[in-house]
Protein backbone atom coordinates (compact mmCIF):
# COMPACT_ATOMS: atom_id res chain seq x y z
CA MET A 1 0.16 0.02 0.06
CA ASN A 2 2.80 2.56 0.85
CA ASP A 3 4.65 1.72 -2.01
CA THR A 4 1.43 2.50 -4.35
CA VAL A 5 1.18 5.68 -2.59
CA ASP A 6 4.85 6.43 -3.16
CA ASN A 7 4.56 5.74 -6.99
CA LEU A 8 1.49 7.76 -7.04
CA VAL A 9 3.02 10.95 -5.40
CA VAL A 10 5.88 10.32 -7.56
CA GLU A 11 3.69 10.10 -10.92
CA HIS A 12 2.06 13.45 -9.81
CA LEU A 13 5.36 15.07 -9.32
CA LYS A 14 6.61 14.19 -12.73
CA ARG A 15 3.46 15.69 -14.06
CA PHE A 16 3.74 18.80 -12.31
CA GLN A 17 7.41 19.03 -13.21
CA ALA A 18 6.40 18.48 -16.96
CA GLY A 19 3.81 21.08 -16.72
CA GLN A 20 6.37 23.60 -15.16
CA ASP A 21 8.72 22.82 -18.06
CA ARG A 22 6.14 23.49 -20.54
CA ILE A 23 5.40 26.79 -18.85
CA GLU A 24 9.09 27.75 -18.61
CA ARG A 25 9.50 27.10 -22.28
CA LYS A 26 6.48 29.34 -23.09
CA MET A 27 7.72 32.04 -20.73
CA GLU A 28 11.02 32.20 -22.79
CA GLU A 29 9.31 32.12 -26.06
CA MET A 30 7.10 35.18 -24.80
CA THR A 31 10.33 36.94 -23.72
CA ARG A 32 12.08 36.40 -26.94
CA ARG A 33 8.96 37.53 -29.04
CA LEU A 34 8.55 40.78 -26.57
CA SER A 35 11.95 41.77 -27.20
CA ASN A 36 11.48 41.22 -30.77
CA LEU A 37 8.52 43.39 -30.51
CA GLU A 38 10.52 46.07 -28.52
CA ALA A 39 13.40 46.25 -30.88
CA GLY A 40 10.86 46.63 -33.97
CA GLN A 41 9.08 49.56 -32.16
CA ALA A 42 12.60 51.30 -31.39
CA SER A 43 13.16 50.74 -34.94
CA ILE A 44 10.19 52.53 -35.91
CA ILE A 45 10.70 55.48 -33.67
CA GLN A 46 14.15 55.84 -35.04
CA HIS A 47 12.75 55.98 -38.49
CA LEU A 48 10.03 58.43 -37.66
CA GLY A 49 12.72 60.80 -36.08
CA HIS A 50 14.51 60.53 -39.51
CA LEU A 51 11.42 61.35 -41.42
CA ALA A 52 10.85 64.27 -39.08
CA SER A 53 14.15 65.57 -39.52
CA ALA A 54 14.04 65.35 -43.29
CA ASP A 55 10.76 67.06 -43.24
CA ALA A 56 12.28 69.73 -41.29
CA GLN A 57 15.17 70.22 -43.79
CA GLN A 58 12.68 70.33 -46.68
CA GLN A 59 10.50 73.06 -44.83
CA LEU A 60 13.82 75.20 -44.48
CA ALA A 61 14.63 74.60 -47.86
CA SER A 62 11.19 75.78 -49.22
CA ASP A 63 11.26 78.78 -46.46
CA GLY A 64 14.50 79.88 -48.26
CA PHE A 65 13.06 79.61 -51.63
CA ASP A 66 10.02 81.72 -50.41
CA GLN A 67 12.50 84.31 -49.17
CA ARG A 68 14.46 84.39 -52.75
CA LEU A 69 11.13 84.49 -54.53
CA GLU A 70 9.87 87.61 -52.46
CA ARG A 71 13.31 89.41 -53.09
CA ILE A 72 13.12 88.71 -56.66
CA GLU A 73 9.34 90.06 -57.04
CA ARG A 74 10.56 93.48 -54.84
CA ARG A 75 13.49 93.76 -57.38
CA LEU A 76 11.28 93.13 -60.67
CA GLU A 77 8.35 95.19 -58.69
CA LEU A 78 6.14 92.58 -59.18
CA ALA A 79 4.55 92.55 -55.75
């Protein structure tokens, strides 16, 4: 009887260990996936920063063209 109880306890412990192993593997997978998502998000944020910088540079160039056009119009007395 005692031997049967011991075997039953050992079997339950093995099942618990197997379940815990599955949970740990799943957590490791989730951690890797989350890290990949965070890296992707950082890349997107960096790309948005580059786009904002390019937009600012184009705006500066456009402002310069506007100023030059105004000076030309004044010299030609078009305005």
